[in-house]
Amino acid sequence: MFRKTLAILIALALLATPAALAQDDDNPTIAILRFGRTALNELTRIGILDMLQAYQFINADERALLNDEQDMEGERVNVIWGDGGMDLPTANLMVEDALDRGADILMPLMTPVAQIAANLTFDLEHPPLVLFSVVSAPYTAGIADAPCLKPPHIAGTQAQVPFDQIVSLLRLQQPDMSQVGTMVNAAEPNSVYGLEQISKHGEALGLTVEAAPIANLSDVPIAAETLMDKGIEAIVLSTSSLEVSAMPTIVELAVEYGIPVFSPATGQAHRGAHVGAGFNDFYREGVVVGRMLTAHLEGSIDISSLAINAQPSLGVALNLDSAAEAGFSFSEELLAMADYVIENGQSTQSRTRPSLPEMTLDERRAADLEFLAGLECTDEMIAEQQAALDAAK
């Protein structure tokens, strides 16, 4: 409760700050707005800043300020920060504040903030650009209908969670598994989408998928107990913020029953999840949306013509410590797939920070524009996607 109250007070303080940063000059103002800080979306933020620096929109001194998440009035661009503290009301205030301060470009990180940014700008006569990233369910969230069927001021990149591959790991761990459980928060598009995908791919493998509803953290223990009393042999979760927040509680209960918890984010293995398996290219998320941003700032592309990018990736992390505590070990097949493991409190994960490849600005610009050209929506693509939507109704 204290953290939630503090986050709201910070957001209210932001609302009271002068709007001069966005209004004193003609430089474009970029608002980088995240739902909450995680080690993974921090890589996305770094990717965005690396792109701005590579294109010389920020210099080394300005980068130092931005590394400390300070608002910056720069020589070529202005940047304002926002953090929703993993709280929807605070996130809503954060986006409203960015709009009040005259942001020209909103860069929401994570689905809840992207959804808020889209909803608050749909009906504006002259909306700012919305360039989103770290969003796994843009279509379930109503941000767009399809990659090319979207409002003209919105573009971004979908962190496409490969639920088909994640669910298939269940069979690698236990070939005769027959029943798994999951949770769903109807208020979170990520959770609804995750349930749909887990059910679809689980049933394709002959698994029975049991789902328990949750609406807040206090529901989680009851939901977990309900699932385990039904005899489930594993828990598979979605990427919703509620399930992420509840991970320690879910793992604690699963340990009592000796069953594994699968999370679709490798980083959750550090918080006790037995298997963290999911999208694992968060730095590239920042680079891709940074390509859109820098090309727009240079006047090289029309955002309205770009399709929403999608880039599936799969990383696997195993927590051997929490598995041992639950009384089971991992199969040889699953161990062979692991990118890293946590054992005796130590991780084998590489600590080398990702970075852009070395090249001249002209070489980078040519490569980035080639990538963006591959996202150009054609009349045929638009017609095909519309026909698919119409057929699904």
Protein backbone atom coordinates (compact mmCIF):
# COMPACT_ATOMS: atom_id res chain seq x y z
CA MET A 1 0.00 0.00 0.00
CA PHE A 2 2.87 2.37 0.83
CA ARG A 3 4.49 1.81 -2.58
CA LYS A 4 1.20 2.43 -4.37
CA THR A 5 0.58 5.63 -2.40
CA LEU A 6 4.12 6.81 -3.04
CA ALA A 7 3.76 6.18 -6.78
CA ILE A 8 0.56 8.23 -6.88
CA LEU A 9 2.18 11.09 -4.96
CA ILE A 10 5.09 11.08 -7.40
CA ALA A 11 2.69 11.20 -10.33
CA LEU A 12 0.79 14.09 -8.75
CA ALA A 13 4.06 15.92 -8.21
CA LEU A 14 4.85 15.46 -11.88
CA LEU A 15 1.53 17.02 -12.77
CA ALA A 16 2.50 20.07 -10.78
CA THR A 17 5.86 20.54 -12.54
CA PRO A 18 6.24 23.32 -15.08
CA ALA A 19 5.50 22.45 -18.68
CA ALA A 20 8.42 24.58 -19.85
CA LEU A 21 10.48 21.61 -20.95
CA ALA A 22 8.08 20.82 -23.75
CA GLN A 23 7.30 24.40 -24.69
CA ASP A 24 10.44 26.57 -24.49
CA ASP A 25 11.91 25.57 -27.85
CA ASP A 26 11.04 23.93 -31.12
CA ASN A 27 12.82 20.68 -30.36
CA PRO A 28 10.57 17.60 -30.44
CA THR A 29 9.71 16.27 -26.99
CA ILE A 30 9.86 12.52 -26.45
CA ALA A 31 8.08 10.98 -23.45
CA ILE A 32 9.42 7.56 -22.46
CA LEU A 33 6.70 6.04 -20.27
CA ARG A 34 6.95 2.64 -18.65
CA PHE A 35 4.42 0.77 -16.57
CA GLY A 36 7.10 -0.13 -14.06
CA ARG A 37 10.79 -0.85 -13.99
CA THR A 38 12.02 -4.37 -14.62
CA ALA A 39 15.45 -5.67 -15.55
CA LEU A 40 14.08 -6.65 -18.95
CA ASN A 41 12.36 -3.42 -19.99
CA GLU A 42 15.46 -1.60 -18.75
CA LEU A 43 17.22 -3.23 -21.71
CA THR A 44 14.54 -1.77 -23.99
CA ARG A 45 15.13 1.70 -22.56
CA ILE A 46 18.86 1.31 -23.16
CA GLY A 47 18.20 0.26 -26.75
CA ILE A 48 16.13 3.41 -27.37
CA LEU A 49 18.84 5.64 -25.91
CA ASP A 50 21.58 3.84 -27.85
CA MET A 51 19.71 4.60 -31.07
CA LEU A 52 19.21 8.26 -30.19
CA GLN A 53 22.91 8.58 -29.40
CA ALA A 54 24.01 6.67 -32.53
CA TYR A 55 22.00 9.12 -34.66
CA GLN A 56 23.49 12.05 -32.71
CA PHE A 57 20.14 13.26 -31.38
CA ILE A 58 21.72 13.17 -27.92
CA ASN A 59 25.35 13.72 -26.96
CA ALA A 60 27.42 12.04 -24.25
CA ASP A 61 26.56 14.59 -21.55
CA GLU A 62 22.86 14.36 -22.35
CA ARG A 63 23.08 10.58 -22.32
CA ALA A 64 24.50 10.71 -18.82
CA LEU A 65 21.45 12.65 -17.66
CA LEU A 66 19.13 10.21 -19.38
CA ASN A 67 20.90 7.23 -17.84
CA ASP A 68 19.87 8.71 -14.49
CA GLU A 69 16.30 9.13 -15.79
CA GLN A 70 16.34 12.89 -15.50
CA ASP A 71 14.15 15.01 -17.75
CA MET A 72 16.35 16.67 -20.32
CA GLU A 73 16.13 19.76 -22.49
CA GLY A 74 18.69 18.91 -25.15
CA GLU A 75 20.30 20.50 -28.15
CA ARG A 76 18.20 18.50 -30.63
CA VAL A 77 15.48 16.73 -28.61
CA ASN A 78 13.82 16.99 -25.22
CA VAL A 79 13.09 13.89 -23.16
CA ILE A 80 10.68 13.43 -20.27
CA TRP A 81 10.35 10.30 -18.15
CA GLY A 82 7.42 8.55 -16.56
CA ASP A 83 7.06 5.45 -14.40
CA GLY A 84 3.66 4.07 -13.48
CA GLY A 85 4.90 2.04 -10.52
CA MET A 86 2.98 -1.01 -11.80
CA ASP A 87 -0.25 0.80 -10.90
CA LEU A 88 -2.93 1.56 -13.49
CA PRO A 89 -4.29 4.83 -11.97
CA THR A 90 -0.74 6.14 -11.63
CA ALA A 91 0.07 5.09 -15.19
CA ASN A 92 -3.02 6.93 -16.42
CA LEU A 93 -1.91 10.10 -14.61
CA MET A 94 1.57 9.66 -16.09
CA VAL A 95 0.30 9.60 -19.68
CA GLU A 96 -2.05 12.52 -19.07
CA ASP A 97 0.88 14.47 -17.64
CA ALA A 98 2.98 13.79 -20.75
CA LEU A 99 0.14 15.04 -22.94
CA ASP A 100 -0.34 18.14 -20.78
CA ARG A 101 3.37 18.87 -21.14
CA GLY A 102 3.08 18.85 -24.90
CA ALA A 103 4.90 15.64 -25.73
CA ASP A 104 5.22 15.17 -29.49
CA ILE A 105 6.05 11.47 -29.24
CA LEU A 106 4.85 9.01 -26.61
CA MET A 107 6.96 5.89 -26.19
CA PRO A 108 5.02 3.54 -23.87
CA LEU A 109 6.75 0.42 -22.58
CA MET A 110 4.46 -2.51 -21.68
CA THR A 111 0.88 -3.20 -22.70
CA PRO A 112 -1.03 -1.27 -19.98
CA VAL A 113 0.72 2.03 -20.79
CA ALA A 114 0.43 1.49 -24.54
CA GLN A 115 -3.28 0.83 -24.11
CA ILE A 116 -3.72 4.00 -22.05
CA ALA A 117 -1.71 6.07 -24.55
CA ALA A 118 -3.78 4.75 -27.43
CA ASN A 119 -7.10 5.35 -25.65
CA LEU A 120 -6.16 8.92 -24.68
CA THR A 121 -5.04 9.85 -28.20
CA PHE A 122 -7.57 8.10 -30.44
CA ASP A 123 -9.94 11.07 -30.57
CA LEU A 124 -7.43 13.94 -30.50
CA GLU A 125 -7.48 16.17 -33.57
CA HIS A 126 -3.67 16.32 -33.67
CA PRO A 127 -2.45 13.36 -31.61
CA PRO A 128 1.21 12.83 -30.75
CA LEU A 129 2.89 9.81 -32.25
CA VAL A 130 2.62 6.67 -30.14
CA LEU A 131 5.57 4.30 -30.65
CA PHE A 132 5.15 1.32 -28.32
CA SER A 133 7.39 -1.56 -27.30
CA VAL A 134 7.39 -4.48 -24.84
CA VAL A 135 3.75 -5.10 -25.75
CA SER A 136 2.76 -8.74 -26.14
CA ALA A 137 -0.93 -8.30 -26.97
CA PRO A 138 -1.54 -5.10 -29.01
CA TYR A 139 -4.62 -6.51 -30.73
CA THR A 140 -6.30 -7.97 -27.65
CA ALA A 141 -5.63 -4.61 -25.96
CA GLY A 142 -7.42 -2.70 -28.74
CA ILE A 143 -4.31 -0.70 -29.69
CA ALA A 144 -4.72 -1.91 -33.27
CA ASP A 145 -6.81 -4.46 -35.17
CA ALA A 146 -3.97 -5.98 -37.18
CA PRO A 147 -0.39 -5.04 -38.12
CA CYS A 148 -1.55 -2.68 -40.89
CA LEU A 149 -5.01 -1.90 -39.52
CA LYS A 150 -4.22 0.75 -36.94
CA PRO A 151 -4.62 4.47 -36.28
CA PRO A 152 -2.17 6.47 -38.43
CA HIS A 153 -0.38 7.96 -35.42
CA ILE A 154 0.42 4.58 -33.85
CA ALA A 155 3.25 2.16 -34.60
CA GLY A 156 5.52 -0.06 -32.58
CA THR A 157 6.86 -3.52 -32.01
CA GLN A 158 5.16 -6.54 -30.50
CA ALA A 159 7.18 -8.67 -28.11
CA GLN A 160 5.66 -11.84 -29.47
CA VAL A 161 5.62 -14.47 -26.73
CA PRO A 162 5.97 -17.93 -28.35
CA PHE A 163 3.33 -19.68 -26.27
CA ASP A 164 3.37 -22.67 -28.63
CA GLN A 165 7.01 -23.34 -27.77
CA ILE A 166 6.52 -22.55 -24.09
CA VAL A 167 3.64 -25.02 -23.72
CA SER A 168 5.62 -27.68 -25.58
CA LEU A 169 8.26 -27.50 -22.82
CA LEU A 170 5.72 -29.08 -20.47
CA ARG A 171 6.01 -32.34 -22.40
CA LEU A 172 9.81 -32.12 -22.34
CA GLN A 173 9.71 -31.93 -18.56
CA GLN A 174 7.05 -34.61 -18.10
CA PRO A 175 6.00 -36.55 -21.22
CA ASP A 176 2.88 -38.01 -19.62
CA MET A 177 1.59 -34.70 -18.21
CA SER A 178 -2.17 -34.41 -18.71
CA GLN A 179 -3.49 -31.43 -16.72
CA VAL A 180 -2.08 -27.93 -16.20
CA GLY A 181 -3.36 -24.77 -14.56
CA THR A 182 -3.22 -21.07 -15.30
CA MET A 183 -4.72 -17.83 -14.00
CA VAL A 184 -6.56 -15.03 -15.75
CA ASN A 185 -7.13 -11.40 -14.83
CA ALA A 186 -9.97 -10.20 -17.06
CA ALA A 187 -8.83 -6.58 -16.63
CA GLU A 188 -5.45 -7.21 -18.28
CA PRO A 189 -5.30 -7.89 -22.05
CA ASN A 190 -1.98 -9.73 -21.57
CA SER A 191 -3.66 -12.15 -19.19
CA VAL A 192 -6.67 -12.75 -21.44
CA TYR A 193 -4.40 -13.28 -24.44
CA GLY A 194 -2.17 -15.59 -22.42
CA LEU A 195 -5.12 -17.75 -21.37
CA GLU A 196 -6.27 -18.02 -24.99
CA GLN A 197 -2.81 -19.07 -26.15
CA ILE A 198 -2.10 -21.48 -23.30
CA SER A 199 -5.50 -23.13 -23.79
CA LYS A 200 -5.10 -23.35 -27.56
CA HIS A 201 -1.63 -24.85 -27.57
CA GLY A 202 -2.22 -26.98 -24.47
CA GLU A 203 -5.30 -28.59 -25.95
CA ALA A 204 -3.42 -29.21 -29.21
CA LEU A 205 -1.02 -31.34 -27.16
CA GLY A 206 -3.86 -33.18 -25.46
CA LEU A 207 -3.54 -31.28 -22.19
CA THR A 208 -6.50 -30.24 -20.06
CA VAL A 209 -6.07 -26.58 -19.12
CA GLU A 210 -7.75 -25.38 -15.92
CA ALA A 211 -8.06 -21.59 -15.37
CA ALA A 212 -8.71 -19.71 -12.14
CA PRO A 213 -9.82 -16.04 -12.14
CA ILE A 214 -7.86 -13.38 -10.24
CA ALA A 215 -8.52 -9.65 -9.87
CA ASN A 216 -5.98 -8.62 -7.23
CA LEU A 217 -3.08 -10.04 -5.25
CA SER A 218 -5.33 -11.36 -2.48
CA ASP A 219 -7.05 -13.64 -5.01
CA VAL A 220 -3.84 -15.41 -5.99
CA PRO A 221 -3.43 -17.84 -3.05
CA ILE A 222 -7.06 -18.95 -3.37
CA ALA A 223 -6.71 -19.38 -7.15
CA ALA A 224 -3.52 -21.39 -6.75
CA GLU A 225 -5.03 -23.65 -4.10
CA THR A 226 -8.11 -24.20 -6.28
CA LEU A 227 -5.98 -25.23 -9.24
CA MET A 228 -3.80 -27.58 -7.19
CA ASP A 229 -6.81 -29.20 -5.58
CA LYS A 230 -7.94 -30.10 -9.13
CA GLY A 231 -4.80 -32.18 -9.56
CA ILE A 232 -2.85 -30.00 -11.98
CA GLU A 233 0.71 -31.09 -12.71
CA ALA A 234 2.16 -27.67 -13.57
CA ILE A 235 1.24 -23.98 -13.57
CA VAL A 236 1.76 -21.96 -16.75
CA LEU A 237 1.35 -18.19 -16.44
CA SER A 238 0.88 -15.26 -18.80
CA THR A 239 2.79 -11.97 -18.91
CA SER A 240 0.25 -9.94 -16.92
CA SER A 241 1.64 -7.58 -14.30
CA LEU A 242 -0.57 -9.14 -11.59
CA GLU A 243 0.85 -12.61 -12.16
CA VAL A 244 4.37 -11.18 -12.27
CA SER A 245 3.80 -9.40 -8.95
CA ALA A 246 2.38 -12.57 -7.42
CA MET A 247 5.21 -14.85 -8.56
CA PRO A 248 6.77 -15.44 -5.09
CA THR A 249 3.37 -16.37 -3.67
CA ILE A 250 2.58 -18.73 -6.56
CA VAL A 251 5.96 -20.44 -6.29
CA GLU A 252 5.68 -20.84 -2.52
CA LEU A 253 2.37 -22.66 -2.90
CA ALA A 254 3.60 -24.74 -5.84
CA VAL A 255 6.58 -25.89 -3.78
CA GLU A 256 4.20 -27.34 -1.19
CA TYR A 257 2.61 -29.46 -3.92
CA GLY A 258 5.88 -30.28 -5.68
CA ILE A 259 4.81 -28.96 -9.09
CA PRO A 260 6.73 -26.67 -11.48
CA VAL A 261 5.79 -23.10 -12.31
CA PHE A 262 6.41 -21.94 -15.89
CA SER A 263 6.63 -18.19 -16.49
CA PRO A 264 6.82 -16.68 -20.01
CA ALA A 265 9.72 -14.41 -18.99
CA THR A 266 13.24 -15.67 -18.39
CA GLY A 267 13.83 -13.07 -15.68
CA GLN A 268 11.15 -14.62 -13.48
CA ALA A 269 13.51 -17.52 -12.80
CA HIS A 270 15.38 -15.07 -10.58
CA ARG A 271 12.17 -14.58 -8.58
CA GLY A 272 11.63 -18.28 -7.99
CA ALA A 273 9.83 -19.50 -11.11
CA HIS A 274 11.14 -22.98 -11.84
CA VAL A 275 11.10 -22.35 -15.59
CA GLY A 276 11.39 -18.90 -17.11
CA ALA A 277 10.74 -19.38 -20.81
CA GLY A 278 9.52 -16.72 -23.18
CA PHE A 279 10.35 -13.65 -25.21
CA ASN A 280 13.94 -12.74 -24.52
CA ASP A 281 15.05 -10.00 -26.92
CA PHE A 282 14.19 -6.87 -25.00
CA TYR A 283 17.21 -4.86 -26.12
CA ARG A 284 16.20 -5.39 -29.73
CA GLU A 285 12.72 -4.13 -28.85
CA GLY A 286 14.34 -0.81 -28.00
CA VAL A 287 16.45 -0.85 -31.15
CA VAL A 288 13.44 -1.53 -33.39
CA VAL A 289 11.27 1.20 -31.90
CA GLY A 290 14.39 3.40 -31.91
CA ARG A 291 14.65 2.84 -35.65
CA MET A 292 11.12 4.14 -36.06
CA LEU A 293 11.82 7.10 -33.80
CA THR A 294 15.07 8.21 -35.43
CA ALA A 295 13.72 7.75 -38.96
CA HIS A 296 10.72 9.90 -38.02
CA LEU A 297 12.95 12.56 -36.47
CA GLU A 298 15.02 12.63 -39.66
CA GLY A 299 11.88 12.80 -41.80
CA SER A 300 12.72 9.53 -43.57
CA ILE A 301 9.47 7.64 -42.98
CA ASP A 302 5.75 8.12 -42.61
CA ILE A 303 4.72 6.39 -39.39
CA SER A 304 1.18 5.90 -40.69
CA SER A 305 2.46 3.55 -43.40
CA LEU A 306 4.38 1.23 -41.05
CA ALA A 307 3.02 -2.12 -39.93
CA ILE A 308 3.40 -3.16 -36.32
CA ASN A 309 6.58 -5.18 -36.09
CA ALA A 310 6.56 -8.62 -34.47
CA GLN A 311 9.65 -10.50 -33.39
CA PRO A 312 9.25 -13.82 -31.63
CA SER A 313 12.15 -15.15 -29.62
CA LEU A 314 12.56 -17.85 -27.00
CA GLY A 315 14.92 -17.88 -24.06
CA VAL A 316 14.92 -20.53 -21.34
CA ALA A 317 16.13 -20.10 -17.75
CA LEU A 318 15.89 -22.79 -15.07
CA ASN A 319 15.99 -22.31 -11.31
CA LEU A 320 17.57 -25.48 -9.99
CA ASP A 321 17.38 -24.21 -6.42
CA SER A 322 13.60 -23.72 -6.36
CA ALA A 323 13.11 -27.00 -8.23
CA ALA A 324 15.12 -28.86 -5.58
CA GLU A 325 13.06 -27.17 -2.87
CA ALA A 326 9.90 -28.43 -4.59
CA GLY A 327 11.35 -31.93 -4.74
CA PHE A 328 11.79 -32.45 -8.48
CA SER A 329 14.59 -32.22 -11.03
CA PHE A 330 14.57 -31.09 -14.62
CA SER A 331 14.64 -33.46 -17.56
CA GLU A 332 17.85 -33.76 -19.57
CA GLU A 333 15.99 -32.40 -22.61
CA LEU A 334 14.93 -29.25 -20.77
CA LEU A 335 18.39 -28.74 -19.25
CA ALA A 336 19.90 -28.94 -22.73
CA MET A 337 17.67 -26.08 -23.89
CA ALA A 338 18.54 -23.71 -21.02
CA ASP A 339 20.29 -20.47 -21.88
CA TYR A 340 21.27 -20.24 -18.24
CA VAL A 341 20.51 -21.81 -14.87
CA ILE A 342 20.38 -20.64 -11.26
CA GLU A 343 22.08 -23.00 -8.84
CA ASN A 344 23.29 -22.45 -5.27
CA GLY A 345 22.10 -18.88 -5.55
CA GLN A 346 24.36 -18.20 -8.55
CA SER A 347 23.30 -17.55 -12.13
CA THR A 348 25.22 -18.60 -15.22
CA GLN A 349 23.57 -15.77 -17.17
CA SER A 350 25.95 -13.58 -19.18
CA ARG A 351 26.32 -10.09 -17.70
CA THR A 352 27.58 -8.53 -20.94
CA ARG A 353 25.30 -5.64 -21.82
CA PRO A 354 23.99 -5.80 -25.41
CA SER A 355 25.01 -2.99 -27.72
CA LEU A 356 24.64 -1.79 -31.29
CA PRO A 357 26.97 -3.22 -33.91
CA GLU A 358 29.87 -0.97 -34.90
CA MET A 359 29.21 0.87 -38.17
CA THR A 360 29.23 4.35 -39.60
CA LEU A 361 26.11 6.48 -39.35
CA ASP A 362 25.56 6.18 -43.10
CA GLU A 363 25.83 2.39 -42.89
CA ARG A 364 23.47 2.29 -39.93
CA ARG A 365 20.96 4.56 -41.63
CA ALA A 366 20.95 2.39 -44.75
CA ALA A 367 20.46 -0.80 -42.70
CA ASP A 368 17.70 0.73 -40.58
CA LEU A 369 15.81 2.13 -43.54
CA GLU A 370 16.03 -1.26 -45.25
CA PHE A 371 14.51 -2.84 -42.14
CA LEU A 372 11.71 -0.25 -42.00
CA ALA A 373 11.02 -0.68 -45.71
CA GLY A 374 10.11 -4.27 -44.88
CA LEU A 375 7.36 -2.95 -42.59
CA GLU A 376 5.70 -0.78 -45.23
CA CYS A 377 2.01 -1.66 -45.54
CA THR A 378 0.76 -2.22 -49.07
CA ASP A 379 -2.84 -2.05 -50.29
CA GLU A 380 -2.73 -5.81 -50.70
CA MET A 381 -1.60 -6.34 -47.09
CA ILE A 382 -4.32 -4.06 -45.78
CA ALA A 383 -6.99 -5.82 -47.85
CA GLU A 384 -5.76 -9.25 -46.77
CA GLN A 385 -5.75 -8.36 -43.08
CA GLN A 386 -9.19 -6.77 -43.31
CA ALA A 387 -10.56 -9.87 -45.04
CA ALA A 388 -9.12 -12.06 -42.28
CA LEU A 389 -10.78 -9.90 -39.62
CA ASP A 390 -14.10 -9.95 -41.45
CA ALA A 391 -13.93 -13.74 -41.80
CA ALA A 392 -13.26 -14.13 -38.07
CA LYS A 393 -16.42 -12.22 -37.07
